[in-house]
Protein backbone atom coordinates (compact mmCIF):
# COMPACT_ATOMS: atom_id res chain seq x y z
CA MET A 1 -24.82 3.58 -3.14
CA LYS A 2 -25.02 3.40 0.80
CA VAL A 3 -23.55 0.24 0.48
CA ILE A 4 -19.91 1.16 -0.81
CA LEU A 5 -19.66 3.98 1.32
CA GLY A 6 -20.59 1.42 4.01
CA GLY A 7 -18.08 -0.75 2.84
CA LEU A 8 -15.17 2.16 3.14
CA VAL A 9 -16.38 3.44 6.30
CA GLY A 10 -15.57 -0.20 7.45
CA VAL A 11 -12.13 -0.23 6.11
CA ALA A 12 -11.50 3.17 7.32
CA ALA A 13 -12.97 2.66 10.89
CA ALA A 14 -10.58 -1.04 10.54
CA LYS A 15 -7.44 0.94 10.31
CA PHE A 16 -8.35 4.06 12.16
CA LEU A 17 -9.26 1.85 15.33
CA PRO A 18 -5.96 -0.01 16.02
CA THR A 19 -4.29 2.87 15.95
CA VAL A 20 -5.73 4.38 19.07
CA VAL A 21 -4.47 1.42 21.15
CA PRO A 22 -1.03 2.12 22.85
CA THR A 23 1.84 0.12 21.26
CA SER A 24 2.63 -1.44 24.58
CA ILE A 25 -0.73 -3.22 25.08
CA THR A 26 -0.37 -4.73 21.70
CA GLY A 27 3.41 -4.74 20.85
CA SER A 28 4.77 -5.97 17.90
CA SER A 29 2.87 -9.21 17.37
CA GLN A 30 1.48 -9.76 14.18
CA ILE A 31 -1.28 -11.97 15.48
CA VAL A 32 -2.73 -9.29 17.68
CA ARG A 33 -2.16 -6.67 14.36
CA VAL A 34 -5.11 -9.03 13.38
CA VAL A 35 -6.82 -9.80 15.98
CA LEU A 36 -7.04 -5.79 17.09
CA THR A 37 -8.16 -5.06 13.59
CA GLY A 38 -10.72 -8.15 13.35
CA VAL A 39 -11.99 -6.77 16.89
CA SER A 40 -12.20 -3.03 15.69
CA ALA A 41 -14.33 -4.43 12.47
CA TYR A 42 -17.24 -5.81 14.62
CA ALA A 43 -17.40 -2.71 16.32
CA ALA A 44 -17.98 -0.78 13.79
CA GLY A 45 -20.42 -3.04 12.52
CA LYS A 46 -22.05 -2.95 15.47
CA ALA A 47 -22.20 0.69 15.47
CA ALA A 48 -23.22 1.18 12.36
CA GLU A 49 -26.65 -1.02 13.86
CA MET A 50 -26.60 1.00 16.72
CA PHE A 51 -27.02 4.28 14.19
CA LYS A 52 -29.71 2.32 12.77
CA LEU A 53 -28.13 2.65 9.35
CA GLY A 54 -29.95 -0.41 7.68
CA PRO A 55 -29.08 -3.81 7.44
CA GLN A 56 -27.25 -3.86 4.18
CA THR A 57 -25.27 -0.98 5.23
CA SER A 58 -24.60 -2.52 8.53
CA ALA A 59 -23.34 -5.35 6.80
CA ALA A 60 -21.29 -3.44 4.24
CA VAL A 61 -19.57 -1.60 7.32
CA LEU A 62 -18.74 -5.06 8.43
CA PHE A 63 -17.42 -6.52 5.80
CA GLY A 64 -15.56 -3.47 4.89
CA GLY A 65 -13.65 -4.09 8.18
CA MET A 66 -13.24 -7.53 7.42
CA MET A 67 -11.12 -6.72 4.31
CA GLN A 68 -9.36 -4.48 6.04
CA THR A 69 -8.81 -7.32 7.97
CA ALA A 70 -7.46 -9.78 5.78
CA SER A 71 -5.52 -7.56 3.89
CA VAL A 72 -3.98 -7.02 7.36
CA ALA A 73 -3.15 -11.01 7.67
CA LEU A 74 -2.13 -10.92 4.17
CA ASN A 75 0.59 -8.67 4.59
CA ALA A 76 1.87 -9.75 8.17
CA PHE A 77 1.61 -13.59 7.00
CA LEU A 78 2.13 -14.13 3.21
CA PRO A 79 6.00 -12.74 3.16
CA SER A 80 6.90 -15.78 5.22
CA ILE A 81 5.04 -18.49 3.65
CA GLY A 82 6.40 -17.21 0.18
CA LYS A 83 10.23 -17.56 1.73
CA GLN A 84 9.25 -21.42 2.99
CA ILE A 85 7.57 -22.29 -0.61
CA GLY A 86 10.43 -20.70 -2.39
CA LEU A 87 9.35 -16.98 -3.88
CA GLY A 88 11.40 -15.04 -1.44
CA GLY A 89 13.98 -14.22 -3.83
CA PHE A 90 11.55 -12.62 -7.50
CA GLY A 91 10.27 -9.96 -5.42
CA GLU A 92 6.99 -11.44 -5.76
CA LEU A 93 5.43 -11.18 -2.37
CA VAL A 94 8.54 -9.95 -0.53
CA PRO A 95 11.43 -7.61 -1.88
CA GLY A 96 13.55 -8.71 -4.10
CA SER A 97 17.38 -8.71 -3.86
CA PHE A 98 18.54 -7.34 -7.14
CA PRO A 99 19.82 -4.54 -7.66
CA VAL A 100 18.42 -1.72 -9.52
CA PRO A 101 21.34 -0.28 -12.08
CA GLN A 102 22.24 3.33 -11.46
CA ASN A 103 22.94 4.63 -15.06
CA PRO A 104 23.24 7.83 -15.83
CA LEU A 105 22.17 9.21 -19.45
CA ARG A 106 24.83 11.39 -20.40
CA LEU A 107 25.15 12.22 -23.75
CA PRO A 108 28.42 13.44 -25.68
CA PRO A 109 28.69 16.81 -26.45
CA PRO A 110 27.61 17.72 -29.98
CA ALA A 111 30.68 17.69 -32.59
CA ARG A 112 31.59 21.07 -33.91
CA VAL A 113 32.16 20.58 -37.74
CA GLY A 114 33.81 23.82 -38.95
CA THR A 115 32.74 23.72 -43.14
CA SER A 116 29.81 25.16 -42.79
CA GLY A 117 29.69 29.35 -43.69
CA LEU A 118 27.08 29.49 -41.11
CA TYR A 119 29.23 28.54 -38.30
CA ARG A 120 32.00 31.00 -39.55
CA ALA A 121 29.36 34.04 -39.44
CA PHE A 122 27.64 33.10 -36.21
CA GLY A 123 29.74 31.73 -34.83
CA SER A 124 29.02 28.28 -31.89
CA ALA A 125 25.71 27.89 -30.27
CA TYR A 126 26.60 26.56 -27.23
């Protein structure tokens, strides 16, 4: 349980700490974002060691942070690699280029048949 919670803390720290750094420093570079996430994961692992949470828990914090770093790296670089190898048009790695049909379902009004005695007695229910 401690290891799982440590991993989740590492993921949360690696997601939160890069948002503290101003965007004027980081810019819009994907490489800087990946490096900053990795540094945040390492700092969270070291902080877990400083608070003496135990070697397994601090390793789990570092592991969770590094998994978040890998996720940021995949999101940053995999779509461009996918376009280069020809996977760009089908939506597996990047948004697809196929339109989604907008066909609302419209049912025709029910046919009114006046041959029933109930229709003459009670009229239309519509």
